[in-house]
């Protein structure tokens, strides 16, 4: 019954939120010929900022409760910072989005593998 530990529950919540962040982030962008356009005042972008703030709160709580996961938390913090920086711009290059998506995928994989570890 290890999958029901508080740590694994918190990891599952983080994974869900980070996956949702990737999905919602892509949907806030409008594709042009040479870059993505990001309307910083759109409803979807404002909701994305709320989601980012909520994830930051969840990560902070996770840091306090699960101090042994410093590398994981450090990487998720970096992902959140990159997301804030990326979606704070009005124009985003295709390359920047691809790099961010790779990072999002890595975060998801790390959280999946962490959720299956027995401590």
Protein backbone atom coordinates (compact mmCIF):
# COMPACT_ATOMS: atom_id res chain seq x y z
CA UNK A 1 0.00 0.00 0.00
CA UNK A 2 3.01 2.28 -0.44
CA UNK A 3 1.26 4.16 -3.27
CA UNK A 4 -0.99 5.75 -0.64
CA UNK A 5 1.74 7.33 1.47
CA UNK A 6 1.55 11.11 1.97
CA UNK A 7 4.78 11.51 -0.03
CA UNK A 8 3.46 9.55 -3.01
CA UNK A 9 0.18 11.44 -2.87
CA UNK A 10 2.07 14.75 -2.92
CA UNK A 11 4.16 13.54 -5.88
CA UNK A 12 1.01 12.50 -7.75
CA UNK A 13 -0.48 15.96 -7.17
CA UNK A 14 2.72 17.63 -8.39
CA UNK A 15 2.82 15.41 -11.48
CA UNK A 16 -0.79 16.21 -12.33
CA UNK A 17 -0.23 19.94 -11.87
CA UNK A 18 3.00 19.99 -13.90
CA UNK A 19 1.37 18.00 -16.71
CA UNK A 20 -1.57 20.40 -16.66
CA UNK A 21 0.84 23.34 -16.77
CA UNK A 22 2.46 21.99 -19.94
CA UNK A 23 -0.91 21.39 -21.58
CA UNK A 24 -2.36 24.77 -20.59
CA UNK A 25 0.84 26.63 -21.47
CA UNK A 26 0.82 25.44 -25.07
CA UNK A 27 -2.85 26.39 -25.41
CA UNK A 28 -2.19 30.02 -24.44
CA UNK A 29 0.05 30.54 -27.49
CA UNK A 30 -0.92 31.59 -31.01
CA UNK A 31 1.33 30.33 -33.79
CA UNK A 32 2.70 32.76 -36.36
CA UNK A 33 5.09 32.08 -39.24
CA UNK A 34 8.32 32.38 -37.27
CA UNK A 35 7.41 32.33 -33.55
CA UNK A 36 4.62 31.87 -31.03
CA UNK A 37 2.59 34.91 -29.95
CA UNK A 38 1.66 35.11 -26.30
CA UNK A 39 -1.21 37.45 -25.35
CA UNK A 40 -0.26 38.38 -21.80
CA UNK A 41 -3.72 39.81 -21.08
CA UNK A 42 -5.78 36.86 -22.29
CA UNK A 43 -7.97 34.90 -19.90
CA UNK A 44 -6.00 31.73 -20.59
CA UNK A 45 -2.71 33.44 -19.77
CA UNK A 46 -4.10 34.86 -16.53
CA UNK A 47 -5.30 31.38 -15.56
CA UNK A 48 -1.86 30.01 -16.43
CA UNK A 49 -0.30 32.52 -14.03
CA UNK A 50 -2.72 31.42 -11.31
CA UNK A 51 -1.79 27.79 -11.96
CA UNK A 52 1.91 28.65 -11.76
CA UNK A 53 1.36 30.39 -8.43
CA UNK A 54 -0.58 27.42 -7.10
CA UNK A 55 2.13 24.97 -8.22
CA UNK A 56 4.76 27.14 -6.52
CA UNK A 57 2.73 26.91 -3.28
CA UNK A 58 2.44 23.12 -3.60
CA UNK A 59 6.19 22.84 -4.27
CA UNK A 60 6.92 24.97 -1.21
CA UNK A 61 4.77 22.69 0.93
CA UNK A 62 6.48 19.62 -0.58
CA UNK A 63 9.91 21.11 0.25
CA UNK A 64 8.93 21.48 3.88
CA UNK A 65 7.40 18.01 4.24
CA UNK A 66 9.88 16.00 2.15
CA UNK A 67 13.35 17.43 2.67
CA UNK A 68 15.06 14.34 1.21
CA UNK A 69 13.95 15.25 -2.34
CA UNK A 70 16.24 18.27 -2.87
CA UNK A 71 17.28 17.39 -6.44
CA UNK A 72 13.71 16.82 -7.58
CA UNK A 73 12.48 20.03 -5.99
CA UNK A 74 15.40 21.98 -7.39
CA UNK A 75 14.55 20.78 -10.90
CA UNK A 76 10.85 21.56 -10.49
CA UNK A 77 11.78 25.04 -9.20
CA UNK A 78 13.89 25.53 -12.32
CA UNK A 79 10.97 24.36 -14.49
CA UNK A 80 8.61 26.85 -12.82
CA UNK A 81 11.15 29.66 -13.22
CA UNK A 82 11.62 28.80 -16.91
CA UNK A 83 7.86 28.72 -17.38
CA UNK A 84 7.42 32.15 -15.76
CA UNK A 85 10.19 33.57 -17.95
CA UNK A 86 8.91 31.97 -21.14
CA UNK A 87 5.26 32.87 -20.73
CA UNK A 88 6.10 36.37 -19.54
CA UNK A 89 7.23 37.23 -23.09
CA UNK A 90 4.96 38.38 -25.89
CA UNK A 91 6.92 36.43 -28.51
CA UNK A 92 8.36 32.97 -27.94
CA UNK A 93 10.62 31.21 -30.41
CA UNK A 94 9.83 27.73 -31.66
CA UNK A 95 13.14 26.53 -30.25
CA UNK A 96 12.39 27.93 -26.78
CA UNK A 97 9.04 26.12 -26.73
CA UNK A 98 10.65 22.84 -27.80
CA UNK A 99 13.29 23.14 -25.05
CA UNK A 100 10.59 23.95 -22.50
CA UNK A 101 8.50 20.95 -23.62
CA UNK A 102 11.56 18.70 -23.18
CA UNK A 103 12.00 20.07 -19.68
CA UNK A 104 8.29 19.50 -18.94
CA UNK A 105 8.59 15.92 -20.16
CA UNK A 106 11.64 15.34 -17.97
CA UNK A 107 9.81 16.74 -14.92
CA UNK A 108 6.90 14.40 -15.64
CA UNK A 109 9.24 11.40 -15.98
CA UNK A 110 11.08 12.30 -12.78
CA UNK A 111 7.82 12.60 -10.85
CA UNK A 112 6.57 9.31 -12.29
CA UNK A 113 9.72 7.47 -11.24
CA UNK A 114 9.75 9.17 -7.81
CA UNK A 115 6.17 8.07 -7.24
CA UNK A 116 7.14 4.44 -7.76
CA UNK A 117 10.15 4.44 -5.43
CA UNK A 118 9.78 2.78 -2.06
CA UNK A 119 11.52 4.60 0.79
